[in-house]
Amino acid sequence: MHPGSLRCSSLAYDEYAALLAPRDPGASAFSVRAVGAGGFALFALASAACAGADDLTGLLIARCMQALGAAAGLATVFDLLGG
């Protein structure tokens, strides 16, 4: 595996998390708990997809889905802890 491909995967994860973590727009339209639970469920499913990825493209797609799930989950966790 090329070292640059791992860096791209990590950058994609960080960028999605940085964009969505400050405030999750879905949390205002839906229950904060529902968005958080959905985010963590997406993260868990994407983690399984990462483990079963056959090629780099599949791994990168699964890592991006992980980032979306983590960002949604973490953004709502802060709301749940704060209130």
Protein backbone atom coordinates (compact mmCIF):
# COMPACT_ATOMS: atom_id res chain seq x y z
CA MET A 1 0.00 0.00 0.00
CA HIS A 2 1.28 3.43 -0.90
CA PRO A 3 1.94 5.70 2.14
CA GLY A 4 0.27 8.63 0.38
CA SER A 5 -3.01 6.73 0.21
CA LEU A 6 -3.12 6.42 4.00
CA ARG A 7 -2.53 10.15 4.29
CA CYS A 8 -5.47 10.82 1.93
CA SER A 9 -7.70 8.59 4.00
CA SER A 10 -6.70 10.38 7.19
CA LEU A 11 -7.17 13.81 5.59
CA ALA A 12 -10.65 12.89 4.34
CA TYR A 13 -11.60 11.74 7.83
CA ASP A 14 -10.32 14.94 9.45
CA GLU A 15 -11.97 17.21 6.90
CA TYR A 16 -15.42 15.65 7.27
CA ALA A 17 -15.14 15.71 11.05
CA ALA A 18 -13.97 19.34 11.05
CA LEU A 19 -16.82 20.42 8.79
CA LEU A 20 -19.60 18.65 10.67
CA ALA A 21 -18.43 18.65 14.29
CA PRO A 22 -18.99 22.33 15.17
CA ARG A 23 -22.75 22.05 14.70
CA ASP A 24 -24.69 19.21 13.18
CA PRO A 25 -27.50 20.66 11.03
CA GLY A 26 -29.47 17.42 11.22
CA ALA A 27 -29.73 17.64 15.00
CA SER A 28 -32.04 20.65 14.80
CA ALA A 29 -34.44 18.89 12.41
CA PHE A 30 -34.44 15.58 14.29
CA SER A 31 -34.00 14.48 17.86
CA VAL A 32 -30.45 14.97 19.10
CA ARG A 33 -30.45 11.41 20.41
CA ALA A 34 -31.65 10.02 17.07
CA VAL A 35 -28.91 11.83 15.13
CA GLY A 36 -26.28 10.71 17.64
CA ALA A 37 -27.44 7.10 17.57
CA GLY A 38 -27.57 7.16 13.78
CA GLY A 39 -24.08 8.62 13.64
CA PHE A 40 -22.63 5.97 15.89
CA ALA A 41 -24.49 3.22 13.99
CA LEU A 42 -23.09 4.55 10.70
CA PHE A 43 -19.62 4.62 12.25
CA ALA A 44 -19.95 1.00 13.39
CA LEU A 45 -21.19 -0.21 9.98
CA ALA A 46 -18.47 1.73 8.18
CA SER A 47 -15.86 0.19 10.51
CA ALA A 48 -17.05 -3.25 9.48
CA ALA A 49 -16.87 -2.16 5.84
CA CYS A 50 -13.28 -1.00 6.41
CA ALA A 51 -12.39 -4.42 7.80
CA GLY A 52 -13.89 -6.13 4.75
CA ALA A 53 -12.60 -3.74 2.09
CA ASP A 54 -10.93 -5.55 -0.80
CA ASP A 55 -9.24 -2.57 -2.40
CA LEU A 56 -8.13 0.96 -1.65
CA THR A 57 -11.20 2.57 -3.21
CA GLY A 58 -13.53 0.58 -0.98
CA LEU A 59 -11.43 1.43 2.05
CA LEU A 60 -11.47 5.16 1.26
CA ILE A 61 -15.24 5.17 0.77
CA ALA A 62 -15.74 3.32 4.05
CA ARG A 63 -13.37 5.72 5.84
CA CYS A 64 -15.35 8.70 4.56
CA MET A 65 -18.55 7.08 5.85
CA GLN A 66 -16.77 6.58 9.18
CA ALA A 67 -15.96 10.27 9.27
CA LEU A 68 -19.56 11.25 8.63
CA GLY A 69 -20.81 8.95 11.37
CA ALA A 70 -18.19 10.11 13.86
CA ALA A 71 -18.85 13.77 13.14
CA ALA A 72 -22.61 13.37 13.58
CA GLY A 73 -22.14 11.36 16.75
CA LEU A 74 -19.60 13.69 18.31
CA ALA A 75 -21.52 16.85 17.50
CA THR A 76 -24.59 15.52 19.25
CA VAL A 77 -22.64 14.14 22.22
CA PHE A 78 -21.57 17.68 23.09
CA ASP A 79 -25.21 18.80 22.99
CA LEU A 80 -26.27 15.88 25.19
CA LEU A 81 -23.54 16.55 27.73
CA GLY A 82 -24.26 20.27 27.79
CA GLY A 83 -27.99 19.99 28.33
